[in-house]
Protein backbone atom coordinates (compact mmCIF):
# COMPACT_ATOMS: atom_id res chain seq x y z
CA MET A 1 211.44 -52.07 175.45
CA HIS A 2 213.17 -48.97 173.47
CA SER A 3 211.25 -46.12 172.19
CA ASP A 4 210.54 -44.93 168.90
CA ARG A 5 213.09 -41.82 169.61
CA GLU A 6 215.77 -44.59 170.63
CA ARG A 7 215.02 -46.46 168.24
CA PHE A 8 215.47 -43.98 165.78
CA ARG A 9 218.49 -42.44 167.30
CA GLY A 10 220.25 -46.02 167.36
CA TRP A 11 219.70 -46.34 163.67
CA LEU A 12 220.97 -42.88 163.34
CA ASN A 13 224.25 -43.54 164.23
CA ALA A 14 224.58 -47.19 162.69
CA ALA A 15 223.58 -45.59 159.11
CA ASN A 16 226.18 -43.19 159.61
CA GLN A 17 229.09 -45.31 160.85
CA CYS A 18 228.43 -47.27 157.47
CA LEU A 19 228.71 -43.97 155.93
CA LEU A 20 231.52 -42.93 157.28
CA ARG A 21 233.09 -46.55 157.28
CA ASP A 22 232.52 -47.10 153.89
CA TYR A 23 232.17 -43.88 151.49
CA LEU A 24 233.90 -41.48 154.33
CA ILE A 25 231.41 -39.02 154.60
CA ASP A 26 228.37 -38.24 156.98
CA PHE A 27 225.10 -37.35 157.20
CA HIS A 28 225.98 -33.77 157.30
CA ASP A 29 228.50 -34.20 154.29
CA ALA A 30 226.16 -35.92 152.48
CA GLY A 31 223.10 -32.60 152.90
CA LEU A 32 220.69 -35.00 154.88
CA GLU A 33 218.11 -33.09 157.08
CA SER A 34 216.61 -34.55 160.23
CA ASP A 35 213.10 -34.50 157.97
CA ASP A 36 214.75 -36.43 155.52
CA LEU A 37 216.61 -39.13 158.18
CA GLU A 38 213.05 -39.78 159.62
CA ARG A 39 211.65 -40.57 155.96
CA TYR A 40 214.33 -42.96 155.28
CA PHE A 41 214.23 -44.49 158.91
CA ALA A 42 210.50 -45.01 158.68
CA ALA A 43 211.13 -47.17 155.10
CA PHE A 44 214.24 -49.00 155.81
CA GLU A 45 214.73 -51.05 158.96
CA MET A 46 218.17 -51.32 158.72
CA PRO A 47 220.88 -49.27 158.16
CA HIS A 48 223.38 -50.56 156.05
CA GLU A 49 220.26 -50.85 153.58
CA PHE A 50 219.56 -47.22 153.42
CA VAL A 51 223.21 -46.39 153.25
CA GLN A 52 223.29 -49.11 150.01
CA PHE A 53 220.21 -47.55 148.58
CA TYR A 54 221.80 -43.90 149.45
CA ALA A 55 224.96 -44.91 147.77
CA TYR A 56 223.44 -46.20 144.81
CA LYS A 57 221.05 -43.03 144.08
CA TYR A 58 223.49 -40.90 144.56
CA ASP A 59 226.72 -43.02 142.64
CA LEU A 60 228.61 -42.71 145.83
CA HIS A 61 232.49 -44.58 145.85
CA TRP A 62 233.09 -47.04 147.96
CA PHE A 63 236.46 -46.66 149.99
CA ASP A 64 237.36 -50.40 150.13
CA GLU A 65 240.85 -49.56 150.39
CA TYR A 66 240.94 -47.31 152.93
CA THR A 67 243.01 -48.22 155.82
CA GLY A 68 243.22 -44.63 157.63
CA THR A 69 240.84 -43.57 160.89
CA VAL A 70 237.46 -42.22 160.73
CA GLY A 71 236.42 -39.86 163.35
CA PRO A 72 234.78 -38.31 165.33
CA MET A 73 231.24 -38.21 164.51
CA ARG A 74 229.19 -34.59 164.38
CA ARG A 75 226.39 -34.80 166.89
CA ILE A 76 223.13 -36.06 165.18
CA LEU A 77 220.30 -34.43 166.52
């Protein structure tokens, strides 16, 4: 059984990957701190739901035509 901390880390990685893939930014670029991320983790069960909410709230532009590579992610927490 996964601990809450392990589930949080998994959620962070998945959400960060969604941001990178769809909007070419990560949590650091978006200015998200660990307190913000913990609050969003509590509010959004699915990482992609958080990313959709955040993108809409801050009018992020989706990069559906981007064909380059994204990497590497910065260390999260």
